[in-house]
């Protein structure tokens, strides 16, 4: 076999796996990787910061349901990307993150930009590896890309010393791997019997992110209706995991441990689908009541019974396993939706049109009333987060992507940009003025590549959600509390100038009557629009 360079191996890897984009922000140790892309059919999507590159890739992977490839600078860039890698890791989004490393002949001297990349990456990846020989580069690419796409789907990290791009080897073999993971445990009879034995009205189903990624929503609904079970979406699931119009859907599980305990205490048995019920704050009680029976089904054994004891731990693809359970339960009537859009909007208006509420609440309602219910809605940890989520679910939106599961802000703007790139449709991202600053440079990438995305930015000149959490944690009144380090003043932020400088169309919407015009203009623009909405409370 003829010798091939590392650069050719890179091109062969991208071509063999039909990888359309590499998302990245490079540095010195990545220049040889960039040079290897010359002549490749893969397009390099440049972001101005590693966190944005990682988040955009995550949004793209979320829609395409296969690992996106990210190229970032060595240790410093990896550190920048790490929080969005953690968000993707905890949300089950597959990424292959590639970083450069110093020349192997130079590493003995511990030079500048040489660092233990894999040790840092291990905190937010499923697997991390550094290639030391050109002979290993081909299998390293194949191993890491396949591992990212196998359950549990998570980011995988590969560190490549920059001299390997020019090195040569005859050990080259790429194959496009077809993954067959429609696994169903053979012995489901005991599980089916246990589900049948649950008293009527005492079975809850919790749907985590794998329900969405394995296309198991319809199968889950069928089982719920056969058993008369209530369906809940697990907290921080990021992607859509339920049919919001299903009459058995009861909403989101709370995010604090005592509130989760109170909800689950109403049930005899929990059917947990996916990884877990994630939590935000410990509030005095274990999330799972001691007497609660738990049947846990997950596509990967490492997630089963990891947080709390379970009665049944079932390994299997969620769609296939739920279809098998549904078949064993017998025939059932088709799920009939009773959703009435006009009635739902009237109820939402009744809730959010009260005079005591912030006037911008009405603007949020009107924005969501005007958009198509198939629009991808992305929210992120702002003080308006719960409002947007509540309204969008009640209005029947089928693609709502919730706050970052890993907890790091700077997720929503790049995620929505990646979603828009994958769908070629406008995603709508709701973000606070404080949260926007973690990844506002995402706008430039959307502008450069003419990606249609709408950012709706709530402006309250403060980290309002942190103030609310402060008061809740300390048991103090908002009006009489002296907050430290949570205000944007002296000088005030000029976010419109910043967003415009990165290439966004700028608009403002503080009146209900303006919503249709503002949205029509944004939806007709092939690029990023940032719409500012003033918050007063």
Protein backbone atom coordinates (compact mmCIF):
# COMPACT_ATOMS: atom_id res chain seq x y z
CA UNK A 1 0.00 0.00 0.00
CA UNK A 2 1.27 3.46 -0.86
CA UNK A 3 2.32 5.78 1.91
CA UNK A 4 -0.19 8.43 2.99
CA UNK A 5 0.38 11.56 5.05
CA UNK A 6 -1.54 12.47 8.17
CA UNK A 7 -3.17 15.27 6.17
CA UNK A 8 -4.52 12.74 3.64
CA UNK A 9 -5.76 10.56 6.50
CA UNK A 10 -7.74 13.55 7.81
CA UNK A 11 -9.33 14.07 4.40
CA UNK A 12 -10.11 10.37 4.03
CA UNK A 13 -11.71 10.29 7.49
CA UNK A 14 -13.96 13.25 6.70
CA UNK A 15 -14.90 11.87 3.29
CA UNK A 16 -15.54 8.30 4.48
CA UNK A 17 -17.96 9.51 7.14
CA UNK A 18 -19.63 12.14 4.92
CA UNK A 19 -18.82 14.90 7.39
CA UNK A 20 -20.16 18.12 5.91
CA UNK A 21 -18.75 20.60 8.44
CA UNK A 22 -15.88 20.98 10.88
CA UNK A 23 -16.65 23.62 13.52
CA UNK A 24 -13.68 25.33 15.05
CA UNK A 25 -11.51 28.07 16.43
CA UNK A 26 -7.84 27.28 15.80
CA UNK A 27 -4.45 28.22 17.21
CA UNK A 28 -0.83 27.56 16.38
CA UNK A 29 -0.99 23.81 16.99
CA UNK A 30 -4.01 23.47 14.67
CA UNK A 31 -2.55 25.13 11.57
CA UNK A 32 -1.39 21.81 10.13
CA UNK A 33 -4.91 20.41 10.63
CA UNK A 34 -6.40 23.42 8.82
CA UNK A 35 -3.93 22.95 5.97
CA UNK A 36 -5.09 19.34 5.70
CA UNK A 37 -8.63 20.58 4.93
CA UNK A 38 -7.40 22.15 1.69
CA UNK A 39 -9.02 20.10 -1.05
CA UNK A 40 -11.52 18.42 1.29
CA UNK A 41 -15.25 18.65 0.56
CA UNK A 42 -15.85 19.41 4.24
CA UNK A 43 -16.48 23.09 5.03
CA UNK A 44 -14.74 24.72 7.99
CA UNK A 45 -17.17 26.79 10.09
CA UNK A 46 -15.11 29.38 11.94
CA UNK A 47 -16.30 30.64 15.31
CA UNK A 48 -14.64 33.44 17.27
CA UNK A 49 -14.34 31.42 20.46
CA UNK A 50 -14.03 27.73 21.24
CA UNK A 51 -17.18 27.74 23.36
CA UNK A 52 -19.21 29.00 20.40
CA UNK A 53 -17.68 26.45 18.03
CA UNK A 54 -18.56 23.66 20.46
CA UNK A 55 -22.10 24.91 21.06
CA UNK A 56 -22.85 25.37 17.35
CA UNK A 57 -21.57 21.85 16.70
CA UNK A 58 -23.80 20.55 19.50
CA UNK A 59 -26.88 22.17 17.94
CA UNK A 60 -26.01 20.67 14.58
CA UNK A 61 -25.46 17.21 16.12
CA UNK A 62 -28.75 17.47 18.02
CA UNK A 63 -30.66 17.75 14.75
CA UNK A 64 -28.62 15.40 12.55
CA UNK A 65 -28.40 12.80 15.35
CA UNK A 66 -24.77 11.99 14.60
CA UNK A 67 -21.49 13.26 16.01
CA UNK A 68 -20.36 16.69 14.84
CA UNK A 69 -16.63 17.37 14.51
CA UNK A 70 -15.06 20.27 16.42
CA UNK A 71 -11.47 21.50 16.04
CA UNK A 72 -10.13 23.65 18.88
CA UNK A 73 -6.81 25.00 20.09
CA UNK A 74 -4.74 22.87 22.43
CA UNK A 75 -4.98 23.21 26.24
CA UNK A 76 -6.11 26.90 26.33
CA UNK A 77 -8.80 26.33 23.71
CA UNK A 78 -9.87 23.11 25.36
CA UNK A 79 -10.31 25.01 28.61
CA UNK A 80 -12.49 27.57 26.79
CA UNK A 81 -14.60 24.85 25.19
CA UNK A 82 -14.93 22.74 28.30
CA UNK A 83 -18.18 24.10 29.73
CA UNK A 84 -20.08 23.54 26.48
CA UNK A 85 -18.45 20.13 26.16
CA UNK A 86 -19.85 19.42 29.64
CA UNK A 87 -23.27 20.69 28.57
CA UNK A 88 -23.18 18.37 25.57
CA UNK A 89 -21.87 15.49 27.69
CA UNK A 90 -24.69 15.74 30.22
CA UNK A 91 -27.30 16.17 27.48
CA UNK A 92 -26.19 13.07 25.54
CA UNK A 93 -25.04 14.98 22.44
CA UNK A 94 -22.27 13.26 20.43
CA UNK A 95 -19.21 15.30 19.43
CA UNK A 96 -15.73 14.45 18.21
CA UNK A 97 -13.56 17.23 19.65
CA UNK A 98 -10.10 17.42 18.07
CA UNK A 99 -7.28 19.58 19.41
CA UNK A 100 -3.71 20.02 18.33
CA UNK A 101 -0.63 19.26 20.40
CA UNK A 102 2.99 20.34 20.14
CA UNK A 103 5.41 18.48 17.88
CA UNK A 104 6.17 15.03 19.35
CA UNK A 105 9.92 15.68 18.93
CA UNK A 106 9.56 18.77 21.11
CA UNK A 107 7.35 17.49 23.93
CA UNK A 108 10.30 16.34 26.03
CA UNK A 109 11.10 20.01 26.67
CA UNK A 110 7.61 20.84 27.97
CA UNK A 111 7.33 23.79 25.55
CA UNK A 112 4.71 26.53 25.43
CA UNK A 113 1.34 25.09 24.26
CA UNK A 114 2.29 21.59 25.35
CA UNK A 115 -0.03 20.36 28.09
CA UNK A 116 -1.88 17.29 29.37
CA UNK A 117 -4.85 17.72 27.04
CA UNK A 118 -6.41 14.34 27.71
CA UNK A 119 -6.33 14.82 31.47
CA UNK A 120 -8.31 18.05 31.16
CA UNK A 121 -10.68 16.62 28.57
CA UNK A 122 -11.59 13.62 30.72
CA UNK A 123 -13.75 15.84 32.94
CA UNK A 124 -16.27 16.40 30.12
CA UNK A 125 -15.87 13.49 27.72
CA UNK A 126 -16.71 9.83 27.42
CA UNK A 127 -13.22 8.99 26.16
CA UNK A 128 -10.01 10.95 25.55
CA UNK A 129 -6.90 9.88 23.63
CA UNK A 130 -3.71 11.45 22.30
CA UNK A 131 -2.06 9.97 19.21
CA UNK A 132 1.70 9.50 19.53
CA UNK A 133 2.50 7.76 16.22
CA UNK A 134 1.34 8.33 12.66
CA UNK A 135 0.67 4.59 12.44
CA UNK A 136 -2.11 4.99 15.02
CA UNK A 137 -3.86 8.03 13.53
CA UNK A 138 -6.28 6.12 11.31
CA UNK A 139 -7.57 3.81 14.02
CA UNK A 140 -7.70 6.71 16.52
CA UNK A 141 -10.05 8.62 14.20
CA UNK A 142 -12.25 5.57 13.68
CA UNK A 143 -12.31 4.64 17.36
CA UNK A 144 -13.14 8.12 18.60
CA UNK A 145 -15.80 8.90 16.00
CA UNK A 146 -17.54 5.57 16.52
CA UNK A 147 -17.40 5.89 20.31
CA UNK A 148 -19.03 9.33 20.13
CA UNK A 149 -21.92 7.84 18.13
CA UNK A 150 -22.38 4.75 20.32
CA UNK A 151 -24.50 4.80 23.49
CA UNK A 152 -24.07 6.58 25.74
CA UNK A 153 -23.67 9.30 23.15
CA UNK A 154 -21.22 11.84 24.51
CA UNK A 155 -18.31 14.02 23.38
CA UNK A 156 -15.06 12.18 22.67
CA UNK A 157 -11.69 13.95 22.59
CA UNK A 158 -8.72 13.35 20.30
CA UNK A 159 -5.39 15.18 20.66
CA UNK A 160 -3.16 15.21 17.55
CA UNK A 161 0.46 16.47 17.62
CA UNK A 162 0.97 18.93 14.80
CA UNK A 163 3.90 17.08 13.17
CA UNK A 164 1.74 14.03 12.40
CA UNK A 165 0.04 15.86 9.53
CA UNK A 166 3.26 15.69 7.49
CA UNK A 167 4.29 12.20 8.66
CA UNK A 168 3.55 9.20 6.45
CA UNK A 169 2.31 5.64 6.97
CA UNK A 170 0.93 2.72 5.00
CA UNK A 171 -1.39 1.72 7.86
CA UNK A 172 -4.52 3.32 6.44
CA UNK A 173 -8.00 1.79 6.30
CA UNK A 174 -11.28 3.62 6.70
CA UNK A 175 -14.74 2.11 6.70
CA UNK A 176 -18.07 3.78 7.23
CA UNK A 177 -19.58 1.87 10.14
CA UNK A 178 -23.29 1.09 10.26
CA UNK A 179 -24.45 1.11 13.86
CA UNK A 180 -27.13 -1.44 14.78
CA UNK A 181 -28.33 -0.65 18.28
CA UNK A 182 -31.98 -1.72 18.24
CA UNK A 183 -31.33 -3.75 21.38
CA UNK A 184 -34.25 -5.18 23.35
CA UNK A 185 -33.78 -7.25 26.50
CA UNK A 186 -35.27 -10.69 25.90
CA UNK A 187 -36.80 -11.14 29.36
CA UNK A 188 -39.39 -8.37 29.65
CA UNK A 189 -42.23 -10.47 31.08
CA UNK A 190 -41.43 -9.56 34.69
CA UNK A 191 -41.30 -5.87 33.78
CA UNK A 192 -44.63 -6.06 31.97
CA UNK A 193 -46.19 -7.88 34.93
CA UNK A 194 -44.88 -5.26 37.35
CA UNK A 195 -46.29 -2.45 35.22
CA UNK A 196 -49.68 -4.15 34.98
CA UNK A 197 -49.76 -4.58 38.76
CA UNK A 198 -49.47 -0.84 39.50
CA UNK A 199 -52.80 0.54 40.81
CA UNK A 200 -54.65 2.82 38.45
CA UNK A 201 -53.39 6.39 38.59
CA UNK A 202 -50.25 5.40 40.51
CA UNK A 203 -47.76 5.03 37.62
CA UNK A 204 -45.58 7.94 36.49
CA UNK A 205 -43.31 7.95 33.46
CA UNK A 206 -40.25 10.23 33.44
CA UNK A 207 -38.78 10.91 29.98
CA UNK A 208 -35.13 11.93 29.82
CA UNK A 209 -33.16 12.99 26.73
CA UNK A 210 -32.69 9.48 25.26
CA UNK A 211 -36.45 9.31 24.61
CA UNK A 212 -35.98 12.06 22.06
CA UNK A 213 -32.68 10.89 20.58
CA UNK A 214 -34.01 7.34 20.08
CA UNK A 215 -37.33 8.52 18.55
CA UNK A 216 -39.26 6.83 21.34
CA UNK A 217 -41.91 9.49 22.00
CA UNK A 218 -44.74 7.72 20.16
CA UNK A 219 -43.93 4.35 21.74
CA UNK A 220 -43.81 5.95 25.20
CA UNK A 221 -47.21 7.58 24.65
CA UNK A 222 -48.69 4.24 23.57
CA UNK A 223 -47.46 2.54 26.77
CA UNK A 224 -48.69 5.43 28.90
CA UNK A 225 -52.18 5.16 27.48
CA UNK A 226 -52.28 1.39 27.78
CA UNK A 227 -51.39 1.69 31.47
CA UNK A 228 -53.15 4.97 32.29
CA UNK A 229 -49.80 6.50 33.30
CA UNK A 230 -48.96 10.16 33.77
CA UNK A 231 -46.06 11.39 31.60
CA UNK A 232 -43.48 13.89 32.85
CA UNK A 233 -40.42 15.31 31.15
CA UNK A 234 -37.25 15.02 33.22
CA UNK A 235 -35.53 18.31 34.15
CA UNK A 236 -32.85 19.74 31.85
CA UNK A 237 -33.55 17.25 29.07
CA UNK A 238 -32.43 19.80 26.41
CA UNK A 239 -34.16 18.14 23.46
CA UNK A 240 -37.83 17.31 22.96
CA UNK A 241 -38.79 14.15 24.87
CA UNK A 242 -42.60 14.23 24.94
CA UNK A 243 -45.57 15.12 22.80
CA UNK A 244 -46.76 18.28 24.60
CA UNK A 245 -50.26 17.70 23.21
CA UNK A 246 -50.54 14.22 24.72
CA UNK A 247 -53.49 14.28 27.15
CA UNK A 248 -51.44 12.20 29.63
CA UNK A 249 -48.61 14.76 29.73
CA UNK A 250 -48.43 16.48 33.10
CA UNK A 251 -45.46 18.83 32.55
CA UNK A 252 -41.88 19.05 33.76
CA UNK A 253 -40.62 17.37 36.91
CA UNK A 254 -39.39 20.06 39.35
CA UNK A 255 -35.67 20.74 39.72
CA UNK A 256 -35.23 20.82 43.51
CA UNK A 257 -35.04 17.63 45.55
CA UNK A 258 -37.88 18.28 48.00
CA UNK A 259 -40.26 19.30 45.19
CA UNK A 260 -39.35 16.16 43.21
CA UNK A 261 -39.98 14.06 46.32
CA UNK A 262 -43.38 15.68 46.82
CA UNK A 263 -44.40 14.97 43.23
CA UNK A 264 -43.17 11.37 43.12
CA UNK A 265 -44.74 10.61 46.51
CA UNK A 266 -48.13 10.64 44.77
CA UNK A 267 -47.15 7.53 42.82
CA UNK A 268 -46.51 3.88 43.59
CA UNK A 269 -44.12 3.23 40.67
CA UNK A 270 -41.87 5.30 38.42
CA UNK A 271 -40.94 4.16 34.91
CA UNK A 272 -37.72 6.09 34.29
CA UNK A 273 -36.70 6.27 30.63
CA UNK A 274 -33.19 7.38 29.78
CA UNK A 275 -30.35 8.44 32.03
CA UNK A 276 -31.82 10.08 35.13
CA UNK A 277 -33.96 12.68 36.82
CA UNK A 278 -31.51 15.53 37.08
CA UNK A 279 -31.61 18.00 39.98
CA UNK A 280 -30.50 21.57 40.62
CA UNK A 281 -30.59 22.25 44.36
CA UNK A 282 -30.78 20.04 47.45
CA UNK A 283 -33.70 21.28 49.53
CA UNK A 284 -33.82 18.97 52.50
CA UNK A 285 -35.09 15.66 51.11
CA UNK A 286 -33.89 12.94 48.78
CA UNK A 287 -35.45 13.35 45.34
CA UNK A 288 -36.77 9.76 45.34
CA UNK A 289 -39.13 8.69 48.15
CA UNK A 290 -37.82 5.55 49.87
CA UNK A 291 -41.00 3.56 49.17
CA UNK A 292 -41.12 4.42 45.43
CA UNK A 293 -40.74 1.41 43.13
CA UNK A 294 -38.55 2.20 40.11
CA UNK A 295 -38.30 0.51 36.72
CA UNK A 296 -35.37 2.01 34.85
CA UNK A 297 -34.82 1.50 31.10
CA UNK A 298 -31.70 2.93 29.49
CA UNK A 299 -29.78 2.23 26.27
CA UNK A 300 -26.57 1.86 28.26
CA UNK A 301 -25.81 -0.22 31.36
CA UNK A 302 -23.59 2.42 32.95
CA UNK A 303 -26.59 4.70 33.56
CA UNK A 304 -28.90 2.16 35.17
CA UNK A 305 -29.61 2.61 38.87
CA UNK A 306 -26.68 5.00 39.11
CA UNK A 307 -28.30 7.62 41.36
CA UNK A 308 -30.95 5.66 43.27
CA UNK A 309 -31.79 1.99 43.86
CA UNK A 310 -34.14 0.52 41.25
CA UNK A 311 -36.33 -2.58 41.17
CA UNK A 312 -35.72 -3.36 37.51
CA UNK A 313 -32.69 -2.26 35.45
CA UNK A 314 -33.40 -2.86 31.78
CA UNK A 315 -30.79 -2.36 29.05
CA UNK A 316 -32.25 -1.57 25.66
CA UNK A 317 -32.94 0.92 22.92
CA UNK A 318 -35.86 2.94 24.25
CA UNK A 319 -38.01 2.93 21.13
CA UNK A 320 -37.58 -0.79 20.51
CA UNK A 321 -38.01 -1.73 24.16
CA UNK A 322 -41.15 0.38 24.62
CA UNK A 323 -42.62 -1.04 21.42
CA UNK A 324 -41.97 -4.55 22.77
CA UNK A 325 -43.63 -3.65 26.09
CA UNK A 326 -46.59 -2.11 24.26
CA UNK A 327 -47.00 -5.27 22.17
CA UNK A 328 -46.92 -7.42 25.32
CA UNK A 329 -49.56 -5.22 26.98
CA UNK A 330 -51.99 -5.88 24.13
CA UNK A 331 -54.02 -3.68 21.81
CA UNK A 332 -54.72 -0.08 22.66
CA UNK A 333 -56.71 2.77 21.20
CA UNK A 334 -54.81 5.44 19.27
CA UNK A 335 -53.83 8.47 21.30
CA UNK A 336 -56.38 11.22 20.69
CA UNK A 337 -55.23 14.79 21.21
CA UNK A 338 -57.80 17.20 22.59
CA UNK A 339 -55.61 20.26 22.00
CA UNK A 340 -57.42 23.41 20.97
CA UNK A 341 -54.99 26.16 19.92
CA UNK A 342 -57.43 29.03 20.47
CA UNK A 343 -58.41 27.77 23.91
CA UNK A 344 -54.77 27.23 24.89
CA UNK A 345 -53.85 30.77 23.84
CA UNK A 346 -56.82 32.20 25.75
CA UNK A 347 -55.71 30.43 28.94
CA UNK A 348 -52.12 31.63 28.50
CA UNK A 349 -53.33 35.19 27.96
CA UNK A 350 -55.47 34.96 31.09
CA UNK A 351 -52.38 33.97 33.09
CA UNK A 352 -49.89 36.43 31.63
CA UNK A 353 -52.07 39.45 30.88
CA UNK A 354 -52.63 40.31 34.54
CA UNK A 355 -51.80 43.92 35.32
CA UNK A 356 -49.42 42.92 38.14
CA UNK A 357 -47.14 41.09 35.71
CA UNK A 358 -44.25 42.61 33.79
CA UNK A 359 -45.58 44.18 30.55
CA UNK A 360 -43.04 42.17 28.56
CA UNK A 361 -44.85 38.95 29.53
CA UNK A 362 -47.53 39.91 27.02
CA UNK A 363 -44.82 40.40 24.40
CA UNK A 364 -43.48 36.89 25.07
CA UNK A 365 -46.98 35.45 24.70
CA UNK A 366 -47.52 37.29 21.43
CA UNK A 367 -44.16 36.19 20.01
CA UNK A 368 -44.93 32.54 20.74
CA UNK A 369 -48.48 32.93 19.46
CA UNK A 370 -47.20 34.25 16.12
CA UNK A 371 -44.53 31.59 15.47
CA UNK A 372 -45.15 28.18 13.92
CA UNK A 373 -45.42 25.49 16.63
CA UNK A 374 -42.72 23.44 14.86
CA UNK A 375 -40.17 26.24 15.40
CA UNK A 376 -37.18 25.22 17.48
CA UNK A 377 -37.28 27.25 20.72
CA UNK A 378 -34.10 27.48 22.81
CA UNK A 379 -33.99 28.89 26.34
CA UNK A 380 -31.14 29.36 28.78
CA UNK A 381 -31.16 30.02 32.49
CA UNK A 382 -32.46 33.59 32.40
CA UNK A 383 -35.05 34.94 34.81
CA UNK A 384 -37.56 34.63 31.95
CA UNK A 385 -36.67 30.99 31.28
CA UNK A 386 -39.58 29.44 33.19
CA UNK A 387 -42.06 31.82 31.55
CA UNK A 388 -40.93 30.99 28.01
CA UNK A 389 -40.92 27.28 28.75
CA UNK A 390 -44.37 27.37 30.35
CA UNK A 391 -45.94 29.31 27.49
CA UNK A 392 -44.28 27.32 24.70
CA UNK A 393 -45.33 23.97 26.18
CA UNK A 394 -48.89 25.16 26.81
CA UNK A 395 -49.12 26.41 23.23
CA UNK A 396 -48.06 23.00 21.94
CA UNK A 397 -44.53 23.66 20.67
CA UNK A 398 -42.94 20.35 19.72
CA UNK A 399 -39.27 21.43 19.64
CA UNK A 400 -38.35 23.16 22.89
CA UNK A 401 -34.72 22.95 24.01
CA UNK A 402 -34.37 23.74 27.69
CA UNK A 403 -31.64 25.19 29.88
CA UNK A 404 -28.13 23.71 29.67
CA UNK A 405 -28.01 20.41 31.53
CA UNK A 406 -24.35 20.88 32.43
CA UNK A 407 -25.15 24.23 34.04
CA UNK A 408 -22.85 26.41 31.93
CA UNK A 409 -24.27 29.58 30.37
CA UNK A 410 -23.18 30.41 26.84
CA UNK A 411 -25.06 27.40 25.44
CA UNK A 412 -28.30 28.77 24.00
CA UNK A 413 -26.96 31.16 21.34
CA UNK A 414 -24.54 28.71 19.69
CA UNK A 415 -26.93 25.77 20.11
CA UNK A 416 -29.70 27.63 18.28
CA UNK A 417 -27.25 28.65 15.55
CA UNK A 418 -26.26 25.01 15.02
CA UNK A 419 -29.92 23.98 14.95
CA UNK A 420 -30.65 26.63 12.31
CA UNK A 421 -27.66 25.49 10.23
CA UNK A 422 -28.92 21.89 10.31
CA UNK A 423 -32.58 22.72 9.56
CA UNK A 424 -32.10 25.77 7.29
CA UNK A 425 -34.97 27.27 9.30
CA UNK A 426 -35.09 30.07 11.85
CA UNK A 427 -34.56 28.81 15.38
CA UNK A 428 -35.61 31.26 18.08
CA UNK A 429 -33.33 31.70 21.08
CA UNK A 430 -34.52 33.42 24.27
CA UNK A 431 -31.60 34.69 26.33
CA UNK A 432 -30.95 37.28 29.05
CA UNK A 433 -28.61 40.23 28.62
CA UNK A 434 -26.20 38.74 31.16
CA UNK A 435 -26.27 35.26 29.68
CA UNK A 436 -25.79 36.57 26.14
CA UNK A 437 -22.31 37.83 26.96
CA UNK A 438 -20.95 34.31 27.41
CA UNK A 439 -21.31 33.58 23.69
CA UNK A 440 -22.46 36.73 21.90
CA UNK A 441 -19.57 36.19 19.45
CA UNK A 442 -21.72 33.38 17.99
CA UNK A 443 -23.53 36.11 16.03
CA UNK A 444 -20.49 36.61 13.79
CA UNK A 445 -20.51 32.97 12.66
CA UNK A 446 -24.24 33.17 11.91
CA UNK A 447 -23.70 36.38 9.94
CA UNK A 448 -20.70 35.03 7.99
CA UNK A 449 -22.51 31.86 6.93
CA UNK A 450 -25.93 33.50 6.56
CA UNK A 451 -27.50 31.19 9.13
CA UNK A 452 -31.13 32.19 9.84
CA UNK A 453 -31.46 32.54 13.60
CA UNK A 454 -33.39 34.90 15.87
CA UNK A 455 -32.06 35.92 19.28
CA UNK A 456 -34.60 37.49 21.63
CA UNK A 457 -32.66 39.19 24.39
CA UNK A 458 -34.33 40.27 27.64
CA UNK A 459 -32.73 43.39 29.04
CA UNK A 460 -32.90 44.06 32.77
CA UNK A 461 -29.33 45.32 33.32
CA UNK A 462 -28.60 42.70 35.97
CA UNK A 463 -28.13 39.03 36.76
CA UNK A 464 -31.76 38.92 37.84
CA UNK A 465 -32.00 35.15 38.18
CA UNK A 466 -29.08 35.17 40.62
CA UNK A 467 -30.81 37.85 42.67
CA UNK A 468 -33.98 35.75 42.81
CA UNK A 469 -31.98 32.68 43.84
CA UNK A 470 -30.13 34.76 46.45
CA UNK A 471 -33.44 35.81 48.03
CA UNK A 472 -34.83 32.28 47.93
CA UNK A 473 -31.70 30.77 49.47
CA UNK A 474 -31.34 33.41 52.19
CA UNK A 475 -35.06 33.91 52.84
CA UNK A 476 -34.79 37.68 52.36
CA UNK A 477 -36.87 40.29 50.55
CA UNK A 478 -35.73 41.48 47.12
CA UNK A 479 -36.50 45.16 47.75
CA UNK A 480 -34.40 45.37 50.93
CA UNK A 481 -31.40 43.27 49.85
CA UNK A 482 -28.04 44.79 48.93
CA UNK A 483 -26.79 42.64 46.05
CA UNK A 484 -23.05 42.45 45.41
CA UNK A 485 -21.64 42.05 41.92
CA UNK A 486 -24.91 41.42 40.09
CA UNK A 487 -25.62 44.73 38.27
CA UNK A 488 -24.47 45.99 34.87
CA UNK A 489 -23.98 49.70 35.47
CA UNK A 490 -21.32 52.38 35.57
CA UNK A 491 -20.96 51.96 32.63
CA UNK A 492 -24.14 50.52 31.17
CA UNK A 493 -23.83 47.79 28.55
CA UNK A 494 -24.54 48.76 24.94
CA UNK A 495 -25.57 45.30 23.75
CA UNK A 496 -27.11 46.64 20.54
CA UNK A 497 -23.75 48.08 19.49
CA UNK A 498 -21.98 44.84 20.39
CA UNK A 499 -24.46 42.64 18.52
CA UNK A 500 -24.46 44.96 15.52
CA UNK A 501 -20.67 44.89 15.49
CA UNK A 502 -20.76 41.11 15.20
CA UNK A 503 -23.13 41.37 12.21
CA UNK A 504 -26.66 41.06 13.61
CA UNK A 505 -29.76 42.88 12.43
CA UNK A 506 -31.00 44.83 15.43
CA UNK A 507 -34.62 45.37 16.39
CA UNK A 508 -36.61 46.16 19.52
CA UNK A 509 -40.00 44.94 20.63
CA UNK A 510 -41.61 46.32 23.79
CA UNK A 511 -45.21 46.53 22.60
CA UNK A 512 -47.58 43.72 21.61
CA UNK A 513 -48.68 45.67 18.55
CA UNK A 514 -45.14 45.60 17.14
CA UNK A 515 -44.58 41.85 17.44
CA UNK A 516 -45.89 40.76 14.03
CA UNK A 517 -43.88 43.36 12.12
CA UNK A 518 -40.69 42.65 14.05
CA UNK A 519 -41.04 38.89 13.62
CA UNK A 520 -41.93 39.12 9.92
CA UNK A 521 -38.78 41.16 9.30
CA UNK A 522 -36.63 38.71 11.26
CA UNK A 523 -38.13 35.64 9.58
CA UNK A 524 -37.51 37.11 6.13
CA UNK A 525 -33.82 37.74 6.87
CA UNK A 526 -31.25 35.08 5.97
CA UNK A 527 -28.93 35.72 8.89
CA UNK A 528 -28.98 36.62 12.59
CA UNK A 529 -31.44 39.09 14.09
CA UNK A 530 -31.21 40.23 17.70
CA UNK A 531 -34.45 41.58 19.16
CA UNK A 532 -34.26 43.40 22.49
CA UNK A 533 -37.14 43.23 24.96
CA UNK A 534 -37.00 45.42 28.08
CA UNK A 535 -37.87 43.77 31.40
CA UNK A 536 -39.01 45.91 34.33
CA UNK A 537 -39.67 43.40 37.13
